[in-house]
């Protein structure tokens, strides 16, 4: 073995995320294709270099989808990169994350050995669940070569509601709704033109969605603009993600019971019932943000660095607490 560091890369759509890596490029782009798909079993097995868009198109043909709504961040996004980055979209709080849908995978270790974990059924769990551990591992544990995923049928009905509320009122409403049997699939609060707006997406049976619309109130958004809105949050193309060159994009992960965080301010975007908060702040505020996140029982991640290079030396991930 040459003992040469490797930099694993799929489509490169998430190169901005995580630590700046060095090493010989190991491109998985040629490792593509669906090896098994059983629509009736809700399981698909694909090679790591398969374009994510290609997989979603296949599932669409069977009225199925990936409920965790993985962001692409570019046309070249791959299934392996999706698992390695471990990122989920607006439906994460209701539907679960990437790790919840990984049934099994094949991994090449640093010694060049092919290792298989899990399988193609939910109950195939014996010993340590390494398959799910790979979600969000950023390629540090090995090269994912193939992955089996659980998929779900598309919901029968969908509706998006929009109502005006300040941040504190939005959080209060979300906590109250979370205690009720509502088909609430996604939520997002942000300030638009000086107004606080709370968007809610409902998915499920037609009767359940209709009843929820009646009880929750607000203005119903037409299907086309509603789809565009949630897609813009999933892909970070919404105006709320636009920031000055000296500002970083920070992702705060906190308990959904957390109230208004002064450091986040009214310019924050709140998703996942308040459990995920996106804010713009310079590298100089890194420690203050992380202290605030820790006090709330969460973490602060430097998701995108400032364009002017001012955050080059700022740690990306929240530092771990000292070992006991």
C-alpha atoms as a PDB file:
ATOM      1  CA  UNK A   1       0.000   0.000   0.000  1.00  0.00           C
ATOM      2  CA  UNK A   2       1.188   3.499  -0.844  1.00  0.00           C
ATOM      3  CA  UNK A   3      -0.309   5.035   2.325  1.00  0.00           C
ATOM      4  CA  UNK A   4      -1.396   8.014   0.208  1.00  0.00           C
ATOM      5  CA  UNK A   5      -4.286  10.137   1.524  1.00  0.00           C
ATOM      6  CA  UNK A   6      -7.353   9.982  -0.718  1.00  0.00           C
ATOM      7  CA  UNK A   7     -10.002  12.599  -1.354  1.00  0.00           C
ATOM      8  CA  UNK A   8     -13.256  10.817  -2.200  1.00  0.00           C
ATOM      9  CA  UNK A   9     -15.496  12.740  -4.569  1.00  0.00           C
ATOM     10  CA  UNK A  10     -18.790  11.968  -6.268  1.00  0.00           C
ATOM     11  CA  UNK A  11     -20.304  14.850  -8.219  1.00  0.00           C
ATOM     12  CA  UNK A  12     -18.552  17.571  -6.228  1.00  0.00           C
ATOM     13  CA  UNK A  13     -21.849  19.335  -5.471  1.00  0.00           C
ATOM     14  CA  UNK A  14     -21.025  19.544  -1.757  1.00  0.00           C
ATOM     15  CA  UNK A  15     -17.318  20.356  -1.954  1.00  0.00           C
ATOM     16  CA  UNK A  16     -18.034  23.545   0.001  1.00  0.00           C
ATOM     17  CA  UNK A  17     -19.218  21.574   3.039  1.00  0.00           C
ATOM     18  CA  UNK A  18     -16.948  20.223   5.742  1.00  0.00           C
ATOM     19  CA  UNK A  19     -13.199  20.391   6.163  1.00  0.00           C
ATOM     20  CA  UNK A  20     -10.941  21.417   3.298  1.00  0.00           C
ATOM     21  CA  UNK A  21      -9.526  18.106   2.103  1.00  0.00           C
ATOM     22  CA  UNK A  22      -6.228  17.256   0.486  1.00  0.00           C
ATOM     23  CA  UNK A  23      -5.018  14.074  -1.165  1.00  0.00           C
ATOM     24  CA  UNK A  24      -5.231  12.134  -4.388  1.00  0.00           C
ATOM     25  CA  UNK A  25      -8.673  12.385  -5.976  1.00  0.00           C
ATOM     26  CA  UNK A  26     -10.762   9.205  -5.940  1.00  0.00           C
ATOM     27  CA  UNK A  27     -13.691   9.917  -8.257  1.00  0.00           C
ATOM     28  CA  UNK A  28     -16.732   7.633  -7.919  1.00  0.00           C
ATOM     29  CA  UNK A  29     -18.534   9.028 -10.965  1.00  0.00           C
ATOM     30  CA  UNK A  30     -18.120   5.851 -13.021  1.00  0.00           C
ATOM     31  CA  UNK A  31     -19.517   3.673 -10.223  1.00  0.00           C
ATOM     32  CA  UNK A  32     -23.142   4.162 -11.191  1.00  0.00           C
ATOM     33  CA  UNK A  33     -26.340   2.291 -11.875  1.00  0.00           C
ATOM     34  CA  UNK A  34     -29.313   0.739 -10.089  1.00  0.00           C
ATOM     35  CA  UNK A  35     -28.554  -2.860  -9.151  1.00  0.00           C
ATOM     36  CA  UNK A  36     -31.938  -3.744  -7.644  1.00  0.00           C
ATOM     37  CA  UNK A  37     -35.333  -2.082  -7.335  1.00  0.00           C
ATOM     38  CA  UNK A  38     -38.396  -3.710  -5.840  1.00  0.00           C
ATOM     39  CA  UNK A  39     -41.209  -1.119  -5.868  1.00  0.00           C
ATOM     40  CA  UNK A  40     -43.563  -3.450  -4.007  1.00  0.00           C
ATOM     41  CA  UNK A  41     -40.945  -3.900  -1.261  1.00  0.00           C
ATOM     42  CA  UNK A  42     -40.099  -0.170  -1.126  1.00  0.00           C
ATOM     43  CA  UNK A  43     -36.371  -0.886  -1.468  1.00  0.00           C
ATOM     44  CA  UNK A  44     -33.828   0.286  -4.026  1.00  0.00           C
ATOM     45  CA  UNK A  45     -30.121  -0.589  -4.227  1.00  0.00           C
ATOM     46  CA  UNK A  46     -27.816   1.697  -6.198  1.00  0.00           C
ATOM     47  CA  UNK A  47     -24.111   2.238  -6.752  1.00  0.00           C
ATOM     48  CA  UNK A  48     -22.587   5.238  -5.022  1.00  0.00           C
ATOM     49  CA  UNK A  49     -21.796   7.260  -8.149  1.00  0.00           C
ATOM     50  CA  UNK A  50     -25.379   7.142  -9.425  1.00  0.00           C
ATOM     51  CA  UNK A  51     -26.730  10.677  -9.970  1.00  0.00           C
ATOM     52  CA  UNK A  52     -29.312  11.516  -7.323  1.00  0.00           C
ATOM     53  CA  UNK A  53     -31.565  13.050  -9.978  1.00  0.00           C
ATOM     54  CA  UNK A  54     -31.483   9.760 -11.900  1.00  0.00           C
ATOM     55  CA  UNK A  55     -32.602   7.826  -8.828  1.00  0.00           C
ATOM     56  CA  UNK A  56     -35.400  10.272  -8.049  1.00  0.00           C
ATOM     57  CA  UNK A  57     -36.632  10.073 -11.638  1.00  0.00           C
ATOM     58  CA  UNK A  58     -36.770   6.280 -11.364  1.00  0.00           C
ATOM     59  CA  UNK A  59     -38.752   6.484  -8.133  1.00  0.00           C
ATOM     60  CA  UNK A  60     -41.090   9.100  -9.602  1.00  0.00           C
ATOM     61  CA  UNK A  61     -42.119   6.591 -12.268  1.00  0.00           C
ATOM     62  CA  UNK A  62     -43.483   4.363  -9.491  1.00  0.00           C
ATOM     63  CA  UNK A  63     -45.023   7.253  -7.502  1.00  0.00           C
ATOM     64  CA  UNK A  64     -42.362   6.786  -4.824  1.00  0.00           C
ATOM     65  CA  UNK A  65     -39.763   9.134  -3.349  1.00  0.00           C
ATOM     66  CA  UNK A  66     -37.063   9.765  -0.756  1.00  0.00           C
ATOM     67  CA  UNK A  67     -39.064  11.297   2.122  1.00  0.00           C
ATOM     68  CA  UNK A  68     -36.062  13.053   3.707  1.00  0.00           C
ATOM     69  CA  UNK A  69     -35.731  15.321   0.638  1.00  0.00           C
ATOM     70  CA  UNK A  70     -31.938  15.320   0.233  1.00  0.00           C
ATOM     71  CA  UNK A  71     -30.605  18.587  -1.219  1.00  0.00           C
ATOM     72  CA  UNK A  72     -28.740  18.298  -4.517  1.00  0.00           C
ATOM     73  CA  UNK A  73     -26.832  21.606  -4.544  1.00  0.00           C
ATOM     74  CA  UNK A  74     -26.030  20.895  -8.191  1.00  0.00           C
ATOM     75  CA  UNK A  75     -26.972  18.621 -11.074  1.00  0.00           C
ATOM     76  CA  UNK A  76     -24.019  16.302 -10.425  1.00  0.00           C
ATOM     77  CA  UNK A  77     -25.083  15.231  -6.913  1.00  0.00           C
ATOM     78  CA  UNK A  78     -24.665  11.490  -6.315  1.00  0.00           C
ATOM     79  CA  UNK A  79     -26.273   8.943  -4.021  1.00  0.00           C
ATOM     80  CA  UNK A  80     -22.955   8.241  -2.291  1.00  0.00           C
ATOM     81  CA  UNK A  81     -22.455  11.929  -1.603  1.00  0.00           C
ATOM     82  CA  UNK A  82     -26.003  12.156  -0.294  1.00  0.00           C
ATOM     83  CA  UNK A  83     -25.270   9.481   2.309  1.00  0.00           C
ATOM     84  CA  UNK A  84     -21.772  10.735   3.132  1.00  0.00           C
ATOM     85  CA  UNK A  85     -22.965  14.314   3.691  1.00  0.00           C
ATOM     86  CA  UNK A  86     -26.038  13.182   5.618  1.00  0.00           C
ATOM     87  CA  UNK A  87     -28.066  16.280   4.742  1.00  0.00           C
ATOM     88  CA  UNK A  88     -31.859  16.337   4.700  1.00  0.00           C
ATOM     89  CA  UNK A  89     -34.441  18.817   3.477  1.00  0.00           C
ATOM     90  CA  UNK A  90     -37.574  20.486   4.880  1.00  0.00           C
ATOM     91  CA  UNK A  91     -39.348  17.226   5.816  1.00  0.00           C
ATOM     92  CA  UNK A  92     -36.575  16.006   8.153  1.00  0.00           C
ATOM     93  CA  UNK A  93     -38.454  16.617  11.409  1.00  0.00           C
ATOM     94  CA  UNK A  94     -41.527  14.667  10.302  1.00  0.00           C
ATOM     95  CA  UNK A  95     -40.053  11.984   8.064  1.00  0.00           C
ATOM     96  CA  UNK A  96     -36.597  11.341   9.500  1.00  0.00           C
ATOM     97  CA  UNK A  97     -33.136  11.880   8.055  1.00  0.00           C
ATOM     98  CA  UNK A  98     -30.852  10.074   5.631  1.00  0.00           C
ATOM     99  CA  UNK A  99     -29.669   7.594   8.261  1.00  0.00           C
ATOM    100  CA  UNK A 100     -33.235   6.442   8.905  1.00  0.00           C
ATOM    101  CA  UNK A 101     -33.560   5.212   5.314  1.00  0.00           C
ATOM    102  CA  UNK A 102     -30.209   3.454   4.898  1.00  0.00           C
ATOM    103  CA  UNK A 103     -30.911  -0.289   5.107  1.00  0.00           C
ATOM    104  CA  UNK A 104     -27.492  -1.553   4.115  1.00  0.00           C
ATOM    105  CA  UNK A 105     -24.356  -0.696   2.193  1.00  0.00           C
ATOM    106  CA  UNK A 106     -21.067  -1.947   0.842  1.00  0.00           C
ATOM    107  CA  UNK A 107     -17.968  -0.141   2.028  1.00  0.00           C
ATOM    108  CA  UNK A 108     -14.335  -0.233   0.946  1.00  0.00           C
ATOM    109  CA  UNK A 109     -12.069   0.197   3.955  1.00  0.00           C
ATOM    110  CA  UNK A 110      -8.718   1.945   4.104  1.00  0.00           C
ATOM    111  CA  UNK A 111      -7.094  -1.465   3.629  1.00  0.00           C
ATOM    112  CA  UNK A 112      -8.948  -1.991   0.356  1.00  0.00           C
ATOM    113  CA  UNK A 113     -11.354  -4.581   1.770  1.00  0.00           C
ATOM    114  CA  UNK A 114     -14.993  -4.684   0.716  1.00  0.00           C
ATOM    115  CA  UNK A 115     -17.244  -4.837   3.771  1.00  0.00           C
ATOM    116  CA  UNK A 116     -21.000  -5.358   3.739  1.00  0.00           C
ATOM    117  CA  UNK A 117     -23.351  -4.117   6.433  1.00  0.00           C
ATOM    118  CA  UNK A 118     -27.114  -4.393   6.816  1.00  0.00           C
ATOM    119  CA  UNK A 119     -29.257  -5.642   3.971  1.00  0.00           C
ATOM    120  CA  UNK A 120     -32.482  -4.830   2.141  1.00  0.00           C
ATOM    121  CA  UNK A 121     -35.020  -5.170   4.952  1.00  0.00           C
ATOM    122  CA  UNK A 122     -35.671  -3.031   8.020  1.00  0.00           C
ATOM    123  CA  UNK A 123     -35.344  -5.935  10.492  1.00  0.00           C
ATOM    124  CA  UNK A 124     -31.927  -7.032   9.234  1.00  0.00           C
ATOM    125  CA  UNK A 125     -30.051  -5.657  12.239  1.00  0.00           C
ATOM    126  CA  UNK A 126     -27.457  -7.726  14.048  1.00  0.00           C
ATOM    127  CA  UNK A 127     -24.810  -6.088  16.177  1.00  0.00           C
ATOM    128  CA  UNK A 128     -23.662  -2.522  15.604  1.00  0.00           C
ATOM    129  CA  UNK A 129     -25.637  -0.612  12.965  1.00  0.00           C
ATOM    130  CA  UNK A 130     -22.682   0.494  10.823  1.00  0.00           C
ATOM    131  CA  UNK A 131     -24.889   1.291   7.820  1.00  0.00           C
ATOM    132  CA  UNK A 132     -26.552   4.223   9.533  1.00  0.00           C
ATOM    133  CA  UNK A 133     -23.275   5.334  11.045  1.00  0.00           C
ATOM    134  CA  UNK A 134     -22.055   6.101   7.516  1.00  0.00           C
ATOM    135  CA  UNK A 135     -24.677   8.822   7.071  1.00  0.00           C
ATOM    136  CA  UNK A 136     -22.853  12.099   7.643  1.00  0.00           C
ATOM    137  CA  UNK A 137     -19.431  10.459   7.967  1.00  0.00           C
ATOM    138  CA  UNK A 138     -18.081  12.604   5.098  1.00  0.00           C
ATOM    139  CA  UNK A 139     -16.006   9.752   3.709  1.00  0.00           C
ATOM    140  CA  UNK A 140     -13.862   9.452   6.835  1.00  0.00           C
ATOM    141  CA  UNK A 141     -14.820   5.819   7.532  1.00  0.00           C
ATOM    142  CA  UNK A 142     -14.347   4.441   4.053  1.00  0.00           C
ATOM    143  CA  UNK A 143     -15.593   4.563   0.478  1.00  0.00           C
ATOM    144  CA  UNK A 144     -19.280   3.778   0.017  1.00  0.00           C
ATOM    145  CA  UNK A 145     -19.628   1.683  -3.145  1.00  0.00           C
ATOM    146  CA  UNK A 146     -23.287   0.620  -2.965  1.00  0.00           C
ATOM    147  CA  UNK A 147     -26.244   1.470  -0.768  1.00  0.00           C
ATOM    148  CA  UNK A 148     -29.739   0.053  -0.182  1.00  0.00           C
ATOM    149  CA  UNK A 149     -32.404   2.612   0.678  1.00  0.00           C
ATOM    150  CA  UNK A 150     -35.936   2.447   1.953  1.00  0.00           C
ATOM    151  CA  UNK A 151     -38.347   4.525  -0.136  1.00  0.00           C
ATOM    152  CA  UNK A 152     -41.999   5.443   0.401  1.00  0.00           C
ATOM    153  CA  UNK A 153     -45.100   6.036  -1.738  1.00  0.00           C
ATOM    154  CA  UNK A 154     -45.845   9.659  -2.511  1.00  0.00           C
ATOM    155  CA  UNK A 155     -48.562  11.115  -0.263  1.00  0.00           C
ATOM    156  CA  UNK A 156     -52.090  11.174  -1.632  1.00  0.00           C
ATOM    157  CA  UNK A 157     -52.625  14.855  -0.841  1.00  0.00           C
ATOM    158  CA  UNK A 158     -50.523  17.926  -0.099  1.00  0.00           C
ATOM    159  CA  UNK A 159     -51.249  21.511   0.910  1.00  0.00           C
ATOM    160  CA  UNK A 160     -49.174  24.515   1.967  1.00  0.00           C
ATOM    161  CA  UNK A 161     -50.475  27.142   4.369  1.00  0.00           C
ATOM    162  CA  UNK A 162     -49.012  30.582   5.006  1.00  0.00           C
ATOM    163  CA  UNK A 163     -49.785  32.783   7.973  1.00  0.00           C
ATOM    164  CA  UNK A 164     -48.318  35.902   9.518  1.00  0.00           C
ATOM    165  CA  UNK A 165     -46.605  35.512  12.909  1.00  0.00           C
ATOM    166  CA  UNK A 166     -43.574  36.829  14.716  1.00  0.00           C
ATOM    167  CA  UNK A 167     -40.866  34.340  15.646  1.00  0.00           C
ATOM    168  CA  UNK A 168     -42.037  33.775  19.221  1.00  0.00           C
ATOM    169  CA  UNK A 169     -45.641  33.222  18.124  1.00  0.00           C
ATOM    170  CA  UNK A 170     -44.536  30.869  15.350  1.00  0.00           C
ATOM    171  CA  UNK A 171     -42.529  28.743  17.793  1.00  0.00           C
ATOM    172  CA  UNK A 172     -45.457  28.644  20.215  1.00  0.00           C
ATOM    173  CA  UNK A 173     -47.838  27.500  17.478  1.00  0.00           C
ATOM    174  CA  UNK A 174     -45.421  24.852  16.218  1.00  0.00           C
ATOM    175  CA  UNK A 175     -45.035  23.382  19.701  1.00  0.00           C
ATOM    176  CA  UNK A 176     -48.806  23.244  20.121  1.00  0.00           C
ATOM    177  CA  UNK A 177     -49.338  21.612  16.727  1.00  0.00           C
ATOM    178  CA  UNK A 178     -46.608  19.048  17.437  1.00  0.00           C
ATOM    179  CA  UNK A 179     -48.760  17.699  20.275  1.00  0.00           C
ATOM    180  CA  UNK A 180     -51.694  17.083  17.928  1.00  0.00           C
ATOM    181  CA  UNK A 181     -52.192  14.299  15.342  1.00  0.00           C
ATOM    182  CA  UNK A 182     -51.739  16.594  12.347  1.00  0.00           C
ATOM    183  CA  UNK A 183     -50.173  15.635   8.988  1.00  0.00           C
ATOM    184  CA  UNK A 184     -47.606  18.427   9.398  1.00  0.00           C
ATOM    185  CA  UNK A 185     -44.724  17.510   7.097  1.00  0.00           C
ATOM    186  CA  UNK A 186     -42.576  20.671   7.033  1.00  0.00           C
ATOM    187  CA  UNK A 187     -42.421  24.163   8.491  1.00  0.00           C
ATOM    188  CA  UNK A 188     -40.422  27.299   7.786  1.00  0.00           C
ATOM    189  CA  UNK A 189     -40.443  30.717   9.426  1.00  0.00           C
ATOM    190  CA  UNK A 190     -38.659  33.748   8.015  1.00  0.00           C
ATOM    191  CA  UNK A 191     -39.016  37.492   7.750  1.00  0.00           C
ATOM    192  CA  UNK A 192     -40.107  38.771   4.329  1.00  0.00           C
ATOM    193  CA  UNK A 193     -40.443  42.499   3.612  1.00  0.00           C
ATOM    194  CA  UNK A 194     -40.598  43.221   7.325  1.00  0.00           C
ATOM    195  CA  UNK A 195     -43.271  40.606   8.036  1.00  0.00           C
ATOM    196  CA  UNK A 196     -42.780  37.330   9.855  1.00  0.00           C
ATOM    197  CA  UNK A 197     -44.232  34.523   7.724  1.00  0.00           C
ATOM    198  CA  UNK A 198     -44.766  30.926   8.776  1.00  0.00           C
ATOM    199  CA  UNK A 199     -45.160  28.348   6.015  1.00  0.00           C
ATOM    200  CA  UNK A 200     -46.575  24.908   6.776  1.00  0.00           C
ATOM    201  CA  UNK A 201     -46.722  21.893   4.498  1.00  0.00           C
ATOM    202  CA  UNK A 202     -49.309  19.194   5.112  1.00  0.00           C
ATOM    203  CA  UNK A 203     -49.081  15.756   3.530  1.00  0.00           C
ATOM    204  CA  UNK A 204     -51.138  12.603   3.895  1.00  0.00           C
ATOM    205  CA  UNK A 205     -54.623  11.307   3.229  1.00  0.00           C
ATOM    206  CA  UNK A 206     -56.977  13.746   1.505  1.00  0.00           C
ATOM    207  CA  UNK A 207     -59.378  13.887   4.453  1.00  0.00           C
ATOM    208  CA  UNK A 208     -56.597  14.470   7.000  1.00  0.00           C
ATOM    209  CA  UNK A 209     -55.021  17.266   4.969  1.00  0.00           C
ATOM    210  CA  UNK A 210     -58.379  18.952   4.410  1.00  0.00           C
ATOM    211  CA  UNK A 211     -59.278  18.778   8.113  1.00  0.00           C
ATOM    212  CA  UNK A 212     -55.883  20.177   9.122  1.00  0.00           C
ATOM    213  CA  UNK A 213     -56.244  23.097   6.715  1.00  0.00           C
ATOM    214  CA  UNK A 214     -59.561  23.942   8.319  1.00  0.00           C
ATOM    215  CA  UNK A 215     -58.274  23.766  11.899  1.00  0.00           C
ATOM    216  CA  UNK A 216     -54.864  25.437  11.473  1.00  0.00           C
ATOM    217  CA  UNK A 217     -56.014  28.467   9.528  1.00  0.00           C
ATOM    218  CA  UNK A 218     -53.879  30.687   7.355  1.00  0.00           C
ATOM    219  CA  UNK A 219     -53.859  31.292   3.621  1.00  0.00           C
ATOM    220  CA  UNK A 220     -53.579  28.317   1.298  1.00  0.00           C
ATOM    221  CA  UNK A 221     -50.780  28.661  -1.269  1.00  0.00           C
ATOM    222  CA  UNK A 222     -51.323  27.427  -4.822  1.00  0.00           C
ATOM    223  CA  UNK A 223     -49.532  24.203  -5.734  1.00  0.00           C
ATOM    224  CA  UNK A 224     -46.954  25.629  -8.182  1.00  0.00           C
ATOM    225  CA  UNK A 225     -45.624  28.466  -5.985  1.00  0.00           C
ATOM    226  CA  UNK A 226     -45.763  26.175  -2.953  1.00  0.00           C
ATOM    227  CA  UNK A 227     -43.589  23.583  -4.699  1.00  0.00           C
ATOM    228  CA  UNK A 228     -41.154  26.310  -5.781  1.00  0.00           C
ATOM    229  CA  UNK A 229     -40.964  27.640  -2.219  1.00  0.00           C
ATOM    230  CA  UNK A 230     -40.087  24.309  -0.596  1.00  0.00           C
ATOM    231  CA  UNK A 231     -37.684  23.489  -3.398  1.00  0.00           C
ATOM    232  CA  UNK A 232     -35.885  26.814  -2.842  1.00  0.00           C
ATOM    233  CA  UNK A 233     -35.396  25.916   0.824  1.00  0.00           C
ATOM    234  CA  UNK A 234     -34.224  22.418  -0.028  1.00  0.00           C
ATOM    235  CA  UNK A 235     -31.647  23.701  -2.549  1.00  0.00           C
ATOM    236  CA  UNK A 236     -30.737  26.931  -0.702  1.00  0.00           C
ATOM    237  CA  UNK A 237     -31.760  29.068  -3.660  1.00  0.00           C
ATOM    238  CA  UNK A 238     -34.188  31.198  -1.627  1.00  0.00           C
ATOM    239  CA  UNK A 239     -33.323  34.852  -1.025  1.00  0.00           C
ATOM    240  CA  UNK A 240     -32.882  34.150   2.684  1.00  0.00           C
ATOM    241  CA  UNK A 241     -29.665  32.267   1.881  1.00  0.00           C
ATOM    242  CA  UNK A 242     -28.112  35.239   0.053  1.00  0.00           C
ATOM    243  CA  UNK A 243     -25.481  36.873   2.257  1.00  0.00           C
ATOM    244  CA  UNK A 244     -22.706  39.502   2.154  1.00  0.00           C
ATOM    245  CA  UNK A 245     -19.188  38.407   1.175  1.00  0.00           C
ATOM    246  CA  UNK A 246     -17.970  38.734   4.773  1.00  0.00           C
ATOM    247  CA  UNK A 247     -20.773  36.618   6.254  1.00  0.00           C
ATOM    248  CA  UNK A 248     -20.837  32.864   6.781  1.00  0.00           C
ATOM    249  CA  UNK A 249     -23.917  30.672   6.672  1.00  0.00           C
ATOM    250  CA  UNK A 250     -24.343  28.998  10.052  1.00  0.00           C
ATOM    251  CA  UNK A 251     -26.578  26.060  10.822  1.00  0.00           C
ATOM    252  CA  UNK A 252     -27.795  25.827  14.416  1.00  0.00           C
ATOM    253  CA  UNK A 253     -29.213  22.485  15.542  1.00  0.00           C
ATOM    254  CA  UNK A 254     -31.121  22.916  18.802  1.00  0.00           C
ATOM    255  CA  UNK A 255     -34.056  21.248  20.586  1.00  0.00           C
ATOM    256  CA  UNK A 256     -37.350  22.279  19.025  1.00  0.00           C
ATOM    257  CA  UNK A 257     -38.446  23.566  22.433  1.00  0.00           C
ATOM    258  CA  UNK A 258     -35.818  26.338  22.237  1.00  0.00           C
ATOM    259  CA  UNK A 259     -37.301  29.817  22.220  1.00  0.00           C
ATOM    260  CA  UNK A 260     -36.126  32.889  20.343  1.00  0.00           C
ATOM    261  CA  UNK A 261     -32.328  33.069  20.361  1.00  0.00           C
ATOM    262  CA  UNK A 262     -31.165  36.718  20.505  1.00  0.00           C
ATOM    263  CA  UNK A 263     -27.981  36.021  18.539  1.00  0.00           C
ATOM    264  CA  UNK A 264     -29.973  34.492  15.695  1.00  0.00           C
ATOM    265  CA  UNK A 265     -32.215  37.530  15.444  1.00  0.00           C
ATOM    266  CA  UNK A 266     -35.168  38.113  13.162  1.00  0.00           C
ATOM    267  CA  UNK A 267     -33.124  37.428  10.037  1.00  0.00           C
ATOM    268  CA  UNK A 268     -32.946  33.724  10.874  1.00  0.00           C
ATOM    269  CA  UNK A 269     -34.690  31.004   8.914  1.00  0.00           C
ATOM    270  CA  UNK A 270     -36.301  28.437  11.200  1.00  0.00           C
ATOM    271  CA  UNK A 271     -37.053  24.928   9.931  1.00  0.00           C
ATOM    272  CA  UNK A 272     -37.934  21.556  11.418  1.00  0.00           C
ATOM    273  CA  UNK A 273     -40.303  23.039  13.987  1.00  0.00           C
ATOM    274  CA  UNK A 274     -37.541  25.354  15.217  1.00  0.00           C
ATOM    275  CA  UNK A 275     -34.899  22.621  15.561  1.00  0.00           C
ATOM    276  CA  UNK A 276     -32.834  23.898  12.620  1.00  0.00           C
ATOM    277  CA  UNK A 277     -31.952  27.584  12.343  1.00  0.00           C
ATOM    278  CA  UNK A 278     -29.981  29.236   9.567  1.00  0.00           C
ATOM    279  CA  UNK A 279     -28.287  32.569  10.206  1.00  0.00           C
ATOM    280  CA  UNK A 280     -25.678  34.820   8.617  1.00  0.00           C
ATOM    281  CA  UNK A 281     -22.783  35.885  10.831  1.00  0.00           C
ATOM    282  CA  UNK A 282     -19.103  36.639  10.483  1.00  0.00           C
ATOM    283  CA  UNK A 283     -16.315  34.364  11.666  1.00  0.00           C
ATOM    284  CA  UNK A 284     -15.750  36.673  14.646  1.00  0.00           C
ATOM    285  CA  UNK A 285     -19.103  35.563  16.066  1.00  0.00           C
ATOM    286  CA  UNK A 286     -18.274  31.854  15.908  1.00  0.00           C
ATOM    287  CA  UNK A 287     -17.617  31.376  19.615  1.00  0.00           C
ATOM    288  CA  UNK A 288     -20.652  33.396  20.677  1.00  0.00           C
ATOM    289  CA  UNK A 289     -22.878  31.350  18.371  1.00  0.00           C
ATOM    290  CA  UNK A 290     -21.480  28.078  19.624  1.00  0.00           C
ATOM    291  CA  UNK A 291     -21.836  29.138  23.241  1.00  0.00           C
ATOM    292  CA  UNK A 292     -25.479  30.062  22.606  1.00  0.00           C
ATOM    293  CA  UNK A 293     -26.127  26.751  20.849  1.00  0.00           C
ATOM    294  CA  UNK A 294     -24.536  24.817  23.717  1.00  0.00           C
ATOM    295  CA  UNK A 295     -26.643  26.639  26.295  1.00  0.00           C
ATOM    296  CA  UNK A 296     -29.709  25.537  24.347  1.00  0.00           C
ATOM    297  CA  UNK A 297     -28.433  21.953  24.223  1.00  0.00           C
ATOM    298  CA  UNK A 298     -27.385  22.025  20.568  1.00  0.00           C
ATOM    299  CA  UNK A 299     -24.562  22.755  18.153  1.00  0.00           C
ATOM    300  CA  UNK A 300     -23.533  25.366  15.583  1.00  0.00           C
ATOM    301  CA  UNK A 301     -21.984  24.301  12.270  1.00  0.00           C
ATOM    302  CA  UNK A 302     -20.197  26.547   9.797  1.00  0.00           C
ATOM    303  CA  UNK A 303     -22.145  25.412   6.742  1.00  0.00           C
ATOM    304  CA  UNK A 304     -20.730  27.813   4.144  1.00  0.00           C
ATOM    305  CA  UNK A 305     -17.640  29.941   4.648  1.00  0.00           C
ATOM    306  CA  UNK A 306     -17.549  33.657   3.902  1.00  0.00           C
ATOM    307  CA  UNK A 307     -16.673  34.446   0.289  1.00  0.00           C
ATOM    308  CA  UNK A 308     -13.941  36.887   1.352  1.00  0.00           C
ATOM    309  CA  UNK A 309     -11.938  34.117   3.033  1.00  0.00           C
ATOM    310  CA  UNK A 310     -12.283  35.571   6.534  1.00  0.00           C
ATOM    311  CA  UNK A 311     -13.452  32.237   7.985  1.00  0.00           C
ATOM    312  CA  UNK A 312     -10.644  30.112   6.531  1.00  0.00           C
ATOM    313  CA  UNK A 313      -9.323  29.151   9.980  1.00  0.00           C
ATOM    314  CA  UNK A 314     -12.684  28.762  11.717  1.00  0.00           C
ATOM    315  CA  UNK A 315     -13.524  25.133  12.635  1.00  0.00           C
ATOM    316  CA  UNK A 316     -16.448  23.846  10.597  1.00  0.00           C
ATOM    317  CA  UNK A 317     -18.036  21.497  13.098  1.00  0.00           C
ATOM    318  CA  UNK A 318     -18.952  22.185  16.691  1.00  0.00           C
ATOM    319  CA  UNK A 319     -16.050  21.130  18.956  1.00  0.00           C
ATOM    320  CA  UNK A 320     -16.713  18.028  21.027  1.00  0.00           C
ATOM    321  CA  UNK A 321     -16.824  18.274  24.800  1.00  0.00           C
ATOM    322  CA  UNK A 322     -13.768  16.877  26.635  1.00  0.00           C
ATOM    323  CA  UNK A 323     -13.890  13.162  27.408  1.00  0.00           C
ATOM    324  CA  UNK A 324     -14.961  12.214  30.926  1.00  0.00           C
END
